[in-house]
C-alpha atoms as a PDB file:
ATOM      1  CA  MET A   1     -41.530  16.492 -11.927  1.00  0.00           C
ATOM      2  CA  SER A   2     -39.939  18.616 -15.211  1.00  0.00           C
ATOM      3  CA  SER A   3     -37.054  16.899 -17.035  1.00  0.00           C
ATOM      4  CA  ALA A   4     -34.471  19.932 -16.094  1.00  0.00           C
ATOM      5  CA  VAL A   5     -35.041  18.633 -12.660  1.00  0.00           C
ATOM      6  CA  VAL A   6     -34.712  15.076 -13.910  1.00  0.00           C
ATOM      7  CA  ASN A   7     -31.787  15.940 -16.085  1.00  0.00           C
ATOM      8  CA  LYS A   8     -29.975  17.952 -13.171  1.00  0.00           C
ATOM      9  CA  ASN A   9     -30.531  14.887 -10.828  1.00  0.00           C
ATOM     10  CA  ARG A  10     -29.035  12.535 -13.296  1.00  0.00           C
ATOM     11  CA  PHE A  11     -26.051  14.525 -14.008  1.00  0.00           C
ATOM     12  CA  LYS A  12     -25.251  14.772  -9.966  1.00  0.00           C
ATOM     13  CA  GLN A  13     -25.499  11.027  -9.907  1.00  0.00           C
ATOM     14  CA  GLU A  14     -22.818  10.880 -13.062  1.00  0.00           C
ATOM     15  CA  GLN A  15     -20.613  13.445 -11.776  1.00  0.00           C
ATOM     16  CA  LYS A  16     -20.740  11.720  -8.272  1.00  0.00           C
ATOM     17  CA  TYR A  17     -19.812   8.351 -10.371  1.00  0.00           C
ATOM     18  CA  VAL A  18     -16.692  10.150 -12.555  1.00  0.00           C
ATOM     19  CA  VAL A  19     -15.411  11.530  -9.280  1.00  0.00           C
ATOM     20  CA  GLU A  20     -15.164   8.549  -7.395  1.00  0.00           C
ATOM     21  CA  ARG A  21     -14.065   6.676 -10.523  1.00  0.00           C
ATOM     22  CA  ILE A  22     -10.787   9.222 -10.681  1.00  0.00           C
ATOM     23  CA  ALA A  23     -10.073   8.505  -7.040  1.00  0.00           C
ATOM     24  CA  GLU A  24     -10.012   4.741  -7.929  1.00  0.00           C
ATOM     25  CA  LEU A  25      -8.210   4.855 -11.026  1.00  0.00           C
ATOM     26  CA  ARG A  26      -5.544   7.291  -9.079  1.00  0.00           C
ATOM     27  CA  GLN A  27      -5.182   5.052  -6.365  1.00  0.00           C
ATOM     28  CA  GLU A  28      -4.520   2.282  -8.815  1.00  0.00           C
ATOM     29  CA  VAL A  29      -1.946   4.189 -10.504  1.00  0.00           C
ATOM     30  CA  GLU A  30      -0.045   5.119  -7.108  1.00  0.00           C
ATOM     31  CA  ASP A  31      -0.028   1.091  -6.473  1.00  0.00           C
ATOM     32  CA  VAL A  32       1.377   0.487  -9.799  1.00  0.00           C
ATOM     33  CA  ILE A  33       3.887   3.250  -9.494  1.00  0.00           C
ATOM     34  CA  ASP A  34       4.964   1.287  -6.015  1.00  0.00           C
ATOM     35  CA  TYR A  35       4.957  -1.540  -7.445  1.00  0.00           C
ATOM     36  CA  LEU A  36       7.405  -0.254 -10.029  1.00  0.00           C
ATOM     37  CA  ASP A  37       9.825   0.972  -7.133  1.00  0.00           C
ATOM     38  CA  LEU A  38       9.733  -2.370  -5.818  1.00  0.00           C
ATOM     39  CA  LEU A  39      10.639  -4.079  -8.931  1.00  0.00           C
ATOM     40  CA  GLU A  40      13.680  -1.362  -9.747  1.00  0.00           C
ATOM     41  CA  ALA A  41      14.805  -1.715  -6.172  1.00  0.00           C
ATOM     42  CA  ARG A  42      15.081  -5.641  -6.270  1.00  0.00           C
ATOM     43  CA  ALA A  43      16.871  -5.494  -9.837  1.00  0.00           C
ATOM     44  CA  GLN A  44      19.400  -3.212  -8.295  1.00  0.00           C
ATOM     45  CA  ASN A  45      19.872  -5.308  -5.693  1.00  0.00           C
ATOM     46  CA  PHE A  46      19.939  -8.665  -7.363  1.00  0.00           C
ATOM     47  CA  GLY A  47      22.613 -10.892  -5.764  1.00  0.00           C
ATOM     48  CA  LYS A  48      23.159  -8.886  -2.734  1.00  0.00           C
ATOM     49  CA  ARG A  49      22.728 -10.306   0.831  1.00  0.00           C
ATOM     50  CA  ARG A  50      19.005 -10.043   2.002  1.00  0.00           C
ATOM     51  CA  TYR A  51      18.197  -9.256   5.448  1.00  0.00           C
ATOM     52  CA  SER A  52      15.445 -10.204   7.308  1.00  0.00           C
ATOM     53  CA  THR A  53      13.101  -7.663   9.415  1.00  0.00           C
ATOM     54  CA  GLU A  54      14.888  -9.248  12.684  1.00  0.00           C
ATOM     55  CA  GLN A  55      18.110  -9.124  11.583  1.00  0.00           C
ATOM     56  CA  VAL A  56      17.652  -5.314  10.639  1.00  0.00           C
ATOM     57  CA  LYS A  57      15.968  -4.529  13.968  1.00  0.00           C
ATOM     58  CA  LYS A  58      19.036  -6.673  15.909  1.00  0.00           C
ATOM     59  CA  MET A  59      21.043  -4.138  13.904  1.00  0.00           C
ATOM     60  CA  LEU A  60      19.822  -0.973  14.872  1.00  0.00           C
ATOM     61  CA  GLY A  61      19.227  -2.184  18.708  1.00  0.00           C
ATOM     62  CA  LEU A  62      15.765  -2.433  18.107  1.00  0.00           C
ATOM     63  CA  LYS A  63      13.333  -4.478  20.332  1.00  0.00           C
ATOM     64  CA  SER A  64      11.265  -7.065  18.401  1.00  0.00           C
ATOM     65  CA  VAL A  65       7.739  -7.671  18.675  1.00  0.00           C
ATOM     66  CA  SER A  66       6.547 -11.137  19.684  1.00  0.00           C
ATOM     67  CA  ARG A  67       3.403 -12.100  17.554  1.00  0.00           C
ATOM     68  CA  SER A  68       1.213 -14.191  19.846  1.00  0.00           C
END
């Protein structure tokens, strides 16, 4: 096998790895942004009354789904 073919195969492997790693990093960045949004919302609502999911469903007239 020529070195050009070996280099091409190696390049494709590296390219695949880099593309996969970029996708993983993008997901991690999205997760961090979501977490920061959550922290911001908690800070803005600090000291305010909290409602459980069941309380909100009741206020909205939604049926609760029982967990078995």
